[in-house]
Structures are given as structure tokens and as C-alpha cells.
Amino acid sequence: MEGRLTFLGTGTSMGVPTLGCRCAVCTSSDPRDRRLRPSVLVRWTEASDGAGQAHERAVVIDTGPDFREQALRNGLTRLDAVFYTHSHADHILGLDDLRPLSFAVFRESGPLPLYASAETAQVVERIYDYTFSPAATYPNRARVRLAPLEERTAVYKVEFVRVPVMHGELEIAGFRFGRAAYLTDVSAIPETSFALLEGLDHLALSALRHKPHPNHSTVEQAVGWARRIGARHTWLTHIAHDLGHETTNRTLPEGIRMAYDGLELPVDLGTVKP
């Protein structure tokens, strides 16, 4: 099944430009150096049903503080599911902007599913008490439901496979879907996760900067993992203002490039076996 992977945001928790900074990247005129908080969108067209009607499907991984702007930029008018990598602010604080997108889904099939680990769900429920509390009465609250993040989750015949990675001392979720995978906020990849990343066409992999960081990979670490994984194309994301798009690209090996906001790639999403 053919689909599309769109990078909604390729920046760090503070975004690029970073507030108050006048460095070369933050003042760059290259639009690829402007990076919203990290998120991706996966879209595909489901085969025609019995009535001869095809359906457009869409899944987002993480809804950060820039989600509203990202959805507007990319013409997102509906969603079928959201997957969360972890509970940090730059990955969940746009959840309330799911409200208008969830209403149509709610009328068709019930609350919009949000797939999250138990730890992430606990944080989300606390922050968005007015949405998830059994006593919630706000009439325009998002029509969403938290669902457990399993090892494999099918969304309309596209399978999303959880790929555990480390973010400092915290285990978080990466995701594989067909011949593509998205790994953000990575500081280490457990040995068992490499087996889940074989045979990729596209790998999105975080690379914060050159200088080491306790919770994030450097460009050099990401390049090493990319070579081991062996995807046809690796796209670096979750990028700080230390790295200029064009200058960094010139130093990268063949097959590894910087992603940028709005980059769209064709992806083979495969089909869930009956």
C-alpha cells in the first residue's frame, strides 16, 4: 500500500529559531532552517469499499505545541489516530487542538484513539483533566480516548510497530510503519530494536547537534546507527539551532540527509496480514 510521510516539525523542544537567539541558524533566510516542534504525519488512501468509495486515512505521531500551525500548513482536515512517543511537553501540548478534528471522527466511529504508554497516558490525563475526567462537562472538549500502546497496532490495515528506544534513562516509543520508521529523541537504541528496523526504505532519526548531550544523539551517533540499520534513505530530525541545513548536509554520507519541515516522502506502508 502506497502512502506519504510528511515531516510536520523537525526542531527540538525550543524550536528553531530559538527565542532570543541571534546565531547564524536562527537568523538564516533558508526556510529549511525554520523548525517547528517534532512530529510526523502518515497518510494513505484506503481501497474502495463495497460502495466503490475510497477513504483518505491519516495518523499523526505526537501533537506538540505547534500542532495547530502544522495541521494548517499541511491541509489536515481529519485524523484516524494519534500515536505518542512519550509525555514530554514538546510532544503532547498540542493535544487540545485535536478538538475540531475529533468531532467528525466521533460522529462516524466514536472517540479518536490516542495510543500511549501507561506513563504517557497518566501525564496526559493529569494535564487534560477537563477532557478525560469522568466528571468532565465542557461541551467542546476533544472527543478522544486513550488506548494502550501495544507492540503492534493496526489502523485501517496499516500496522504501526512499537520500536523501543532510550531517551536518557527513559524508555520511549519509536514506530515502524511498512518500510519506514520514525525514531525521535533517541540517546540509545536497544539491541533488540535493531531487528525491528530491517529492510527500511526511509528512516527518520533524531540528531540534535555535534556536541554530546545526555538525552539525545549527536550527528555522529545517528550516522553510525543509520549505517548499521542500512535504510535506503535516512533523514535526520529533532535538530537544534547548532546545525544549519545546507552546511550540515554537505558533510553527511550518501543516503543520509537533513529532514526539514514540510518534507514529504512516498512510503510503502505494506498491508496487515489477515
C-alpha atoms as a PDB file:
ATOM      1  CA  MET A   1       0.000   0.000   0.000  1.00  0.00           C
ATOM      2  CA  GLU A   2       1.441   3.345  -1.029  1.00  0.00           C
ATOM      3  CA  GLY A   3       1.346   6.224   1.443  1.00  0.00           C
ATOM      4  CA  ARG A   4       3.027   9.521   2.272  1.00  0.00           C
ATOM      5  CA  LEU A   5       5.193  10.521   5.197  1.00  0.00           C
ATOM      6  CA  THR A   6       5.300  14.251   5.964  1.00  0.00           C
ATOM      7  CA  PHE A   7       7.615  15.902   8.473  1.00  0.00           C
ATOM      8  CA  LEU A   8       5.380  18.367  10.342  1.00  0.00           C
ATOM      9  CA  GLY A   9       8.243  19.575  12.551  1.00  0.00           C
ATOM     10  CA  THR A  10      11.957  18.780  12.695  1.00  0.00           C
ATOM     11  CA  GLY A  11      13.079  21.006  15.582  1.00  0.00           C
ATOM     12  CA  THR A  12      13.826  20.496  19.244  1.00  0.00           C
ATOM     13  CA  SER A  13      11.706  21.333  22.284  1.00  0.00           C
ATOM     14  CA  MET A  14      12.530  25.044  21.878  1.00  0.00           C
ATOM     15  CA  GLY A  15      12.114  25.104  18.105  1.00  0.00           C
ATOM     16  CA  VAL A  16      14.280  26.961  15.602  1.00  0.00           C
ATOM     17  CA  PRO A  17      14.650  29.932  15.626  1.00  0.00           C
ATOM     18  CA  THR A  18      15.108  29.712  19.381  1.00  0.00           C
ATOM     19  CA  LEU A  19      13.643  32.650  21.286  1.00  0.00           C
ATOM     20  CA  GLY A  20      16.207  35.366  21.976  1.00  0.00           C
ATOM     21  CA  CYS A  21      18.929  33.790  19.840  1.00  0.00           C
ATOM     22  CA  ARG A  22      20.727  35.631  17.028  1.00  0.00           C
ATOM     23  CA  CYS A  23      23.005  32.811  15.852  1.00  0.00           C
ATOM     24  CA  ALA A  24      23.596  32.084  12.163  1.00  0.00           C
ATOM     25  CA  VAL A  25      20.924  29.361  12.011  1.00  0.00           C
ATOM     26  CA  CYS A  26      18.269  31.283  13.957  1.00  0.00           C
ATOM     27  CA  THR A  27      18.713  34.272  11.617  1.00  0.00           C
ATOM     28  CA  SER A  28      19.057  32.169   8.451  1.00  0.00           C
ATOM     29  CA  SER A  29      16.990  33.047   5.384  1.00  0.00           C
ATOM     30  CA  ASP A  30      16.829  29.375   4.356  1.00  0.00           C
ATOM     31  CA  PRO A  31      13.262  28.194   5.129  1.00  0.00           C
ATOM     32  CA  ARG A  32      14.669  24.723   5.888  1.00  0.00           C
ATOM     33  CA  ASP A  33      16.352  26.229   8.956  1.00  0.00           C
ATOM     34  CA  ARG A  34      12.962  27.085  10.472  1.00  0.00           C
ATOM     35  CA  ARG A  35      11.910  24.087  12.532  1.00  0.00           C
ATOM     36  CA  LEU A  36       8.709  23.537  14.493  1.00  0.00           C
ATOM     37  CA  ARG A  37       8.475  21.004  17.311  1.00  0.00           C
ATOM     38  CA  PRO A  38       8.917  17.344  16.242  1.00  0.00           C
ATOM     39  CA  SER A  39       6.039  15.451  14.658  1.00  0.00           C
ATOM     40  CA  VAL A  40       5.209  13.462  11.531  1.00  0.00           C
ATOM     41  CA  LEU A  41       2.060  12.727   9.543  1.00  0.00           C
ATOM     42  CA  VAL A  42       1.343   9.432   7.765  1.00  0.00           C
ATOM     43  CA  ARG A  43      -1.370   9.476   5.094  1.00  0.00           C
ATOM     44  CA  TRP A  44      -2.729   6.885   2.688  1.00  0.00           C
ATOM     45  CA  THR A  45      -5.798   6.084   0.587  1.00  0.00           C
ATOM     46  CA  GLU A  46      -7.717   3.044   1.678  1.00  0.00           C
ATOM     47  CA  ALA A  47      -9.027   0.864  -1.143  1.00  0.00           C
ATOM     48  CA  SER A  48     -12.602   1.375  -2.274  1.00  0.00           C
ATOM     49  CA  ASP A  49     -15.275  -0.159  -0.100  1.00  0.00           C
ATOM     50  CA  GLY A  50     -18.281  -2.114  -1.314  1.00  0.00           C
ATOM     51  CA  ALA A  51     -19.932   1.107  -2.414  1.00  0.00           C
ATOM     52  CA  GLY A  52     -16.934   1.991  -4.582  1.00  0.00           C
ATOM     53  CA  GLN A  53     -15.760   4.768  -2.265  1.00  0.00           C
ATOM     54  CA  ALA A  54     -12.097   5.215  -1.297  1.00  0.00           C
ATOM     55  CA  HIS A  55     -11.193   6.713   2.073  1.00  0.00           C
ATOM     56  CA  GLU A  56      -8.306   9.034   2.936  1.00  0.00           C
ATOM     57  CA  ARG A  57      -6.635   7.991   6.204  1.00  0.00           C
ATOM     58  CA  ALA A  58      -4.279   9.998   8.390  1.00  0.00           C
ATOM     59  CA  VAL A  59      -2.222   9.285  11.502  1.00  0.00           C
ATOM     60  CA  VAL A  60      -0.060  11.731  13.437  1.00  0.00           C
ATOM     61  CA  ILE A  61       2.835  10.823  15.704  1.00  0.00           C
ATOM     62  CA  ASP A  62       2.945  13.377  18.559  1.00  0.00           C
ATOM     63  CA  THR A  63       0.966  16.600  18.895  1.00  0.00           C
ATOM     64  CA  GLY A  64       3.372  19.232  20.183  1.00  0.00           C
ATOM     65  CA  PRO A  65       2.760  22.929  20.892  1.00  0.00           C
ATOM     66  CA  ASP A  66       2.936  23.736  17.157  1.00  0.00           C
ATOM     67  CA  PHE A  67       0.365  21.160  16.084  1.00  0.00           C
ATOM     68  CA  ARG A  68      -2.310  23.668  15.068  1.00  0.00           C
ATOM     69  CA  GLU A  69       0.058  25.509  12.739  1.00  0.00           C
ATOM     70  CA  GLN A  70       1.393  22.227  11.366  1.00  0.00           C
ATOM     71  CA  ALA A  71      -2.112  20.963  10.605  1.00  0.00           C
ATOM     72  CA  LEU A  72      -2.998  24.203   8.822  1.00  0.00           C
ATOM     73  CA  ARG A  73       0.220  24.207   6.791  1.00  0.00           C
ATOM     74  CA  ASN A  74      -0.398  20.673   5.587  1.00  0.00           C
ATOM     75  CA  GLY A  75      -4.119  20.834   4.937  1.00  0.00           C
ATOM     76  CA  LEU A  76      -5.006  18.322   7.646  1.00  0.00           C
ATOM     77  CA  THR A  77      -8.790  18.142   7.979  1.00  0.00           C
ATOM     78  CA  ARG A  78      -9.298  14.750   9.631  1.00  0.00           C
ATOM     79  CA  LEU A  79      -7.418  12.155  11.660  1.00  0.00           C
ATOM     80  CA  ASP A  80      -7.892   8.458  12.323  1.00  0.00           C
ATOM     81  CA  ALA A  81      -5.425   8.011  15.204  1.00  0.00           C
ATOM     82  CA  VAL A  82      -2.590   9.634  17.131  1.00  0.00           C
ATOM     83  CA  PHE A  83       0.469   7.806  18.464  1.00  0.00           C
ATOM     84  CA  TYR A  84       2.591   9.281  21.255  1.00  0.00           C
ATOM     85  CA  THR A  85       6.301   8.624  21.681  1.00  0.00           C
ATOM     86  CA  HIS A  86       6.422   9.953  25.258  1.00  0.00           C
ATOM     87  CA  SER A  87       4.991  12.548  27.621  1.00  0.00           C
ATOM     88  CA  HIS A  88       7.383  15.498  27.318  1.00  0.00           C
ATOM     89  CA  ALA A  89       5.825  18.902  26.642  1.00  0.00           C
ATOM     90  CA  ASP A  90       7.073  19.247  23.053  1.00  0.00           C
ATOM     91  CA  HIS A  91       5.205  16.041  22.165  1.00  0.00           C
ATOM     92  CA  ILE A  92       1.826  16.402  23.913  1.00  0.00           C
ATOM     93  CA  LEU A  93       0.958  20.076  24.460  1.00  0.00           C
ATOM     94  CA  GLY A  94      -0.985  20.403  21.206  1.00  0.00           C
ATOM     95  CA  LEU A  95      -3.486  17.734  22.202  1.00  0.00           C
ATOM     96  CA  ASP A  96      -6.254  20.272  22.790  1.00  0.00           C
ATOM     97  CA  ASP A  97      -6.025  21.286  19.116  1.00  0.00           C
ATOM     98  CA  LEU A  98      -7.401  17.862  18.250  1.00  0.00           C
ATOM     99  CA  ARG A  99     -10.834  19.157  19.238  1.00  0.00           C
ATOM    100  CA  PRO A 100     -12.150  20.188  15.781  1.00  0.00           C
ATOM    101  CA  LEU A 101     -10.531  17.179  14.074  1.00  0.00           C
ATOM    102  CA  SER A 102     -12.051  14.760  16.580  1.00  0.00           C
ATOM    103  CA  PHE A 103     -15.654  15.891  16.137  1.00  0.00           C
ATOM    104  CA  ALA A 104     -16.129  14.371  12.654  1.00  0.00           C
ATOM    105  CA  VAL A 105     -14.434  11.123  13.681  1.00  0.00           C
ATOM    106  CA  PHE A 106     -16.634  10.942  16.782  1.00  0.00           C
ATOM    107  CA  ARG A 107     -19.792  11.180  14.663  1.00  0.00           C
ATOM    108  CA  GLU A 108     -18.553   8.419  12.338  1.00  0.00           C
ATOM    109  CA  SER A 109     -16.881   5.895  14.619  1.00  0.00           C
ATOM    110  CA  GLY A 110     -16.599   7.209  18.172  1.00  0.00           C
ATOM    111  CA  PRO A 111     -13.756   8.950  20.020  1.00  0.00           C
ATOM    112  CA  LEU A 112     -10.446   9.486  18.232  1.00  0.00           C
ATOM    113  CA  PRO A 113      -7.952   6.908  19.601  1.00  0.00           C
ATOM    114  CA  LEU A 114      -4.749   8.197  21.192  1.00  0.00           C
ATOM    115  CA  TYR A 115      -2.214   5.395  21.577  1.00  0.00           C
ATOM    116  CA  ALA A 116       0.134   5.951  24.501  1.00  0.00           C
ATOM    117  CA  SER A 117       2.155   4.068  27.090  1.00  0.00           C
ATOM    118  CA  ALA A 118       0.785   3.872  30.624  1.00  0.00           C
ATOM    119  CA  GLU A 119       3.254   6.543  31.793  1.00  0.00           C
ATOM    120  CA  THR A 120       2.353   8.897  28.955  1.00  0.00           C
ATOM    121  CA  ALA A 121      -1.371   8.328  29.454  1.00  0.00           C
ATOM    122  CA  GLN A 122      -1.062   9.169  33.148  1.00  0.00           C
ATOM    123  CA  VAL A 123       0.610  12.517  32.373  1.00  0.00           C
ATOM    124  CA  VAL A 124      -1.879  13.338  29.609  1.00  0.00           C
ATOM    125  CA  GLU A 125      -4.861  12.582  31.844  1.00  0.00           C
ATOM    126  CA  ARG A 126      -3.487  14.837  34.569  1.00  0.00           C
ATOM    127  CA  ILE A 127      -2.782  17.791  32.265  1.00  0.00           C
ATOM    128  CA  TYR A 128      -6.035  17.437  30.332  1.00  0.00           C
ATOM    129  CA  ASP A 129      -8.291  16.626  33.256  1.00  0.00           C
ATOM    130  CA  TYR A 130     -11.073  18.695  31.688  1.00  0.00           C
ATOM    131  CA  THR A 131     -11.022  16.310  28.711  1.00  0.00           C
ATOM    132  CA  PHE A 132     -10.557  12.901  30.346  1.00  0.00           C
ATOM    133  CA  SER A 133     -12.152  13.194  33.780  1.00  0.00           C
ATOM    134  CA  PRO A 134     -15.393  11.170  34.143  1.00  0.00           C
ATOM    135  CA  ALA A 135     -16.869  14.360  35.570  1.00  0.00           C
ATOM    136  CA  ALA A 136     -15.842  16.482  32.560  1.00  0.00           C
ATOM    137  CA  THR A 137     -18.719  18.631  31.336  1.00  0.00           C
ATOM    138  CA  TYR A 138     -17.032  21.063  28.919  1.00  0.00           C
ATOM    139  CA  PRO A 139     -19.234  20.696  25.804  1.00  0.00           C
ATOM    140  CA  ASN A 140     -16.451  21.359  23.259  1.00  0.00           C
ATOM    141  CA  ARG A 141     -13.832  19.070  24.788  1.00  0.00           C
ATOM    142  CA  ALA A 142     -11.930  16.836  22.391  1.00  0.00           C
ATOM    143  CA  ARG A 143     -13.753  13.616  21.588  1.00  0.00           C
ATOM    144  CA  VAL A 144     -10.767  11.377  22.193  1.00  0.00           C
ATOM    145  CA  ARG A 145      -9.921   8.223  24.123  1.00  0.00           C
ATOM    146  CA  LEU A 146      -6.607   6.969  25.451  1.00  0.00           C
ATOM    147  CA  ALA A 147      -5.751   3.493  24.201  1.00  0.00           C
ATOM    148  CA  PRO A 148      -2.901   1.237  25.371  1.00  0.00           C
ATOM    149  CA  LEU A 149       0.162   1.248  23.161  1.00  0.00           C
ATOM    150  CA  GLU A 150       0.641  -2.363  22.102  1.00  0.00           C
ATOM    151  CA  GLU A 151       3.621  -3.892  20.316  1.00  0.00           C
ATOM    152  CA  ARG A 152       1.625  -3.777  17.070  1.00  0.00           C
ATOM    153  CA  THR A 153      -1.434  -1.661  16.333  1.00  0.00           C
ATOM    154  CA  ALA A 154      -3.416  -1.729  13.088  1.00  0.00           C
ATOM    155  CA  VAL A 155      -5.102   1.439  11.853  1.00  0.00           C
ATOM    156  CA  TYR A 156      -7.257   0.636   8.830  1.00  0.00           C
ATOM    157  CA  LYS A 157      -4.909  -2.123   7.584  1.00  0.00           C
ATOM    158  CA  VAL A 158      -1.690  -0.185   8.209  1.00  0.00           C
ATOM    159  CA  GLU A 159       0.335  -1.662  11.047  1.00  0.00           C
ATOM    160  CA  PHE A 160       2.296   0.546  13.445  1.00  0.00           C
ATOM    161  CA  VAL A 161       5.016  -1.395  15.249  1.00  0.00           C
ATOM    162  CA  ARG A 162       6.392  -0.023  18.508  1.00  0.00           C
ATOM    163  CA  VAL A 163      10.197   0.261  18.463  1.00  0.00           C
ATOM    164  CA  PRO A 164      11.597   0.839  21.988  1.00  0.00           C
ATOM    165  CA  VAL A 165      14.432   3.391  22.215  1.00  0.00           C
ATOM    166  CA  MET A 166      16.081   5.207  25.095  1.00  0.00           C
ATOM    167  CA  HIS A 167      15.753   8.946  25.779  1.00  0.00           C
ATOM    168  CA  GLY A 168      18.315   9.359  28.538  1.00  0.00           C
ATOM    169  CA  GLU A 169      17.095   6.996  31.277  1.00  0.00           C
ATOM    170  CA  LEU A 170      13.539   6.935  29.913  1.00  0.00           C
ATOM    171  CA  GLU A 171      12.339   4.232  27.525  1.00  0.00           C
ATOM    172  CA  ILE A 172      10.138   5.791  24.854  1.00  0.00           C
ATOM    173  CA  ALA A 173       8.480   4.602  21.659  1.00  0.00           C
ATOM    174  CA  GLY A 174       9.658   4.821  18.106  1.00  0.00           C
ATOM    175  CA  PHE A 175       7.427   3.476  15.349  1.00  0.00           C
ATOM    176  CA  ARG A 176       7.776   1.428  12.209  1.00  0.00           C
ATOM    177  CA  PHE A 177       5.067   1.509   9.548  1.00  0.00           C
ATOM    178  CA  GLY A 178       5.672  -0.560   6.440  1.00  0.00           C
ATOM    179  CA  ARG A 179       9.125   0.196   5.045  1.00  0.00           C
ATOM    180  CA  ALA A 180       9.525   3.417   7.044  1.00  0.00           C
ATOM    181  CA  ALA A 181      10.329   4.180  10.686  1.00  0.00           C
ATOM    182  CA  TYR A 182      10.333   7.244  12.921  1.00  0.00           C
ATOM    183  CA  LEU A 183      12.725   7.472  15.898  1.00  0.00           C
ATOM    184  CA  THR A 184      12.872  10.776  17.736  1.00  0.00           C
ATOM    185  CA  ASP A 185      14.546  11.888  20.991  1.00  0.00           C
ATOM    186  CA  VAL A 186      16.943   8.948  20.837  1.00  0.00           C
ATOM    187  CA  SER A 187      20.038   8.632  23.008  1.00  0.00           C
ATOM    188  CA  ALA A 188      20.454   4.856  22.599  1.00  0.00           C
ATOM    189  CA  ILE A 189      18.873   2.029  20.610  1.00  0.00           C
ATOM    190  CA  PRO A 190      18.486  -1.284  22.470  1.00  0.00           C
ATOM    191  CA  GLU A 191      19.998  -4.260  20.691  1.00  0.00           C
ATOM    192  CA  THR A 192      16.600  -5.934  20.352  1.00  0.00           C
ATOM    193  CA  SER A 193      15.175  -2.929  18.485  1.00  0.00           C
ATOM    194  CA  PHE A 194      17.587  -3.211  15.558  1.00  0.00           C
ATOM    195  CA  ALA A 195      15.781  -6.358  14.411  1.00  0.00           C
ATOM    196  CA  LEU A 196      12.590  -4.280  14.063  1.00  0.00           C
ATOM    197  CA  LEU A 197      14.347  -1.871  11.703  1.00  0.00           C
ATOM    198  CA  GLU A 198      15.487  -4.201   8.943  1.00  0.00           C
ATOM    199  CA  GLY A 199      14.529  -3.631   5.310  1.00  0.00           C
ATOM    200  CA  LEU A 200      13.630   0.059   5.528  1.00  0.00           C
ATOM    201  CA  ASP A 201      13.338   2.455   2.611  1.00  0.00           C
ATOM    202  CA  HIS A 202      13.101   5.523   4.860  1.00  0.00           C
ATOM    203  CA  LEU A 203      14.389   6.036   8.407  1.00  0.00           C
ATOM    204  CA  ALA A 204      13.699   9.250  10.328  1.00  0.00           C
ATOM    205  CA  LEU A 205      16.255   9.503  13.114  1.00  0.00           C
ATOM    206  CA  SER A 206      16.957  12.261  15.627  1.00  0.00           C
ATOM    207  CA  ALA A 207      20.321  14.047  15.590  1.00  0.00           C
ATOM    208  CA  LEU A 208      20.406  17.013  17.937  1.00  0.00           C
ATOM    209  CA  ARG A 209      23.841  18.524  17.262  1.00  0.00           C
ATOM    210  CA  HIS A 210      27.553  17.619  17.167  1.00  0.00           C
ATOM    211  CA  LYS A 211      28.211  18.273  20.866  1.00  0.00           C
ATOM    212  CA  PRO A 212      27.250  15.331  23.149  1.00  0.00           C
ATOM    213  CA  HIS A 213      24.002  15.537  25.126  1.00  0.00           C
ATOM    214  CA  PRO A 214      22.884  13.128  27.901  1.00  0.00           C
ATOM    215  CA  ASN A 215      19.410  12.604  26.430  1.00  0.00           C
ATOM    216  CA  HIS A 216      19.895  12.961  22.672  1.00  0.00           C
ATOM    217  CA  SER A 217      22.086  11.547  19.922  1.00  0.00           C
ATOM    218  CA  THR A 218      24.728  13.539  18.098  1.00  0.00           C
ATOM    219  CA  VAL A 219      25.007  13.633  14.325  1.00  0.00           C
ATOM    220  CA  GLU A 220      27.930  11.207  14.558  1.00  0.00           C
ATOM    221  CA  GLN A 221      25.934   8.715  16.643  1.00  0.00           C
ATOM    222  CA  ALA A 222      22.960   8.945  14.283  1.00  0.00           C
ATOM    223  CA  VAL A 223      25.175   8.350  11.255  1.00  0.00           C
ATOM    224  CA  GLY A 224      26.625   5.264  12.939  1.00  0.00           C
ATOM    225  CA  TRP A 225      23.169   3.832  13.674  1.00  0.00           C
ATOM    226  CA  ALA A 226      21.971   4.708  10.171  1.00  0.00           C
ATOM    227  CA  ARG A 227      24.847   2.774   8.645  1.00  0.00           C
ATOM    228  CA  ARG A 228      24.078  -0.250  10.814  1.00  0.00           C
ATOM    229  CA  ILE A 229      20.332  -0.158  10.087  1.00  0.00           C
ATOM    230  CA  GLY A 230      21.009   0.246   6.375  1.00  0.00           C
ATOM    231  CA  ALA A 231      17.865   2.054   5.238  1.00  0.00           C
ATOM    232  CA  ARG A 232      17.977   3.262   1.643  1.00  0.00           C
ATOM    233  CA  HIS A 233      17.426   6.820   2.897  1.00  0.00           C
ATOM    234  CA  THR A 234      17.948   8.231   6.401  1.00  0.00           C
ATOM    235  CA  TRP A 235      16.523  11.617   7.338  1.00  0.00           C
ATOM    236  CA  LEU A 236      17.857  13.426  10.411  1.00  0.00           C
ATOM    237  CA  THR A 237      15.294  15.200  12.584  1.00  0.00           C
ATOM    238  CA  HIS A 238      14.854  16.742  16.071  1.00  0.00           C
ATOM    239  CA  ILE A 239      17.559  19.239  15.095  1.00  0.00           C
ATOM    240  CA  ALA A 240      18.870  22.054  17.296  1.00  0.00           C
ATOM    241  CA  HIS A 241      19.939  25.501  16.137  1.00  0.00           C
ATOM    242  CA  ASP A 242      23.567  24.346  16.189  1.00  0.00           C
ATOM    243  CA  LEU A 243      23.095  22.723  12.765  1.00  0.00           C
ATOM    244  CA  GLY A 244      22.495  24.653   9.570  1.00  0.00           C
ATOM    245  CA  HIS A 245      20.589  22.676   6.958  1.00  0.00           C
ATOM    246  CA  GLU A 246      22.802  23.176   3.921  1.00  0.00           C
ATOM    247  CA  THR A 247      26.157  23.282   5.696  1.00  0.00           C
ATOM    248  CA  THR A 248      25.383  20.066   7.596  1.00  0.00           C
ATOM    249  CA  ASN A 249      24.081  18.276   4.501  1.00  0.00           C
ATOM    250  CA  ARG A 250      27.422  18.846   2.772  1.00  0.00           C
ATOM    251  CA  THR A 251      29.185  16.833   5.498  1.00  0.00           C
ATOM    252  CA  LEU A 252      26.827  13.832   5.551  1.00  0.00           C
ATOM    253  CA  PRO A 253      27.477  10.476   3.851  1.00  0.00           C
ATOM    254  CA  GLU A 254      25.491   9.403   0.802  1.00  0.00           C
ATOM    255  CA  GLY A 255      21.986   8.306   1.704  1.00  0.00           C
ATOM    256  CA  ILE A 256      21.815  10.414   4.880  1.00  0.00           C
ATOM    257  CA  ARG A 257      20.324  13.894   4.743  1.00  0.00           C
ATOM    258  CA  MET A 258      18.729  16.523   6.965  1.00  0.00           C
ATOM    259  CA  ALA A 259      14.942  16.474   7.050  1.00  0.00           C
ATOM    260  CA  TYR A 260      13.025  19.756   7.046  1.00  0.00           C
ATOM    261  CA  ASP A 261       9.518  20.922   7.890  1.00  0.00           C
ATOM    262  CA  GLY A 262       7.154  20.027   5.054  1.00  0.00           C
ATOM    263  CA  LEU A 263       9.353  17.321   3.527  1.00  0.00           C
ATOM    264  CA  GLU A 264       7.051  14.675   2.050  1.00  0.00           C
ATOM    265  CA  LEU A 265       8.169  11.187   1.061  1.00  0.00           C
ATOM    266  CA  PRO A 266       6.364   8.328  -0.675  1.00  0.00           C
ATOM    267  CA  VAL A 267       6.358   5.267   1.590  1.00  0.00           C
ATOM    268  CA  ASP A 268       5.403   1.635   1.185  1.00  0.00           C
ATOM    269  CA  LEU A 269       3.073   1.007   4.119  1.00  0.00           C
ATOM    270  CA  GLY A 270       2.572  -2.670   3.435  1.00  0.00           C
ATOM    271  CA  THR A 271      -0.623  -4.452   4.411  1.00  0.00           C
ATOM    272  CA  VAL A 272      -1.620  -6.079   7.676  1.00  0.00           C
ATOM    273  CA  LYS A 273      -1.853  -9.838   7.173  1.00  0.00           C
ATOM    274  CA  PRO A 274      -5.318 -11.265   7.829  1.00  0.00           C
END
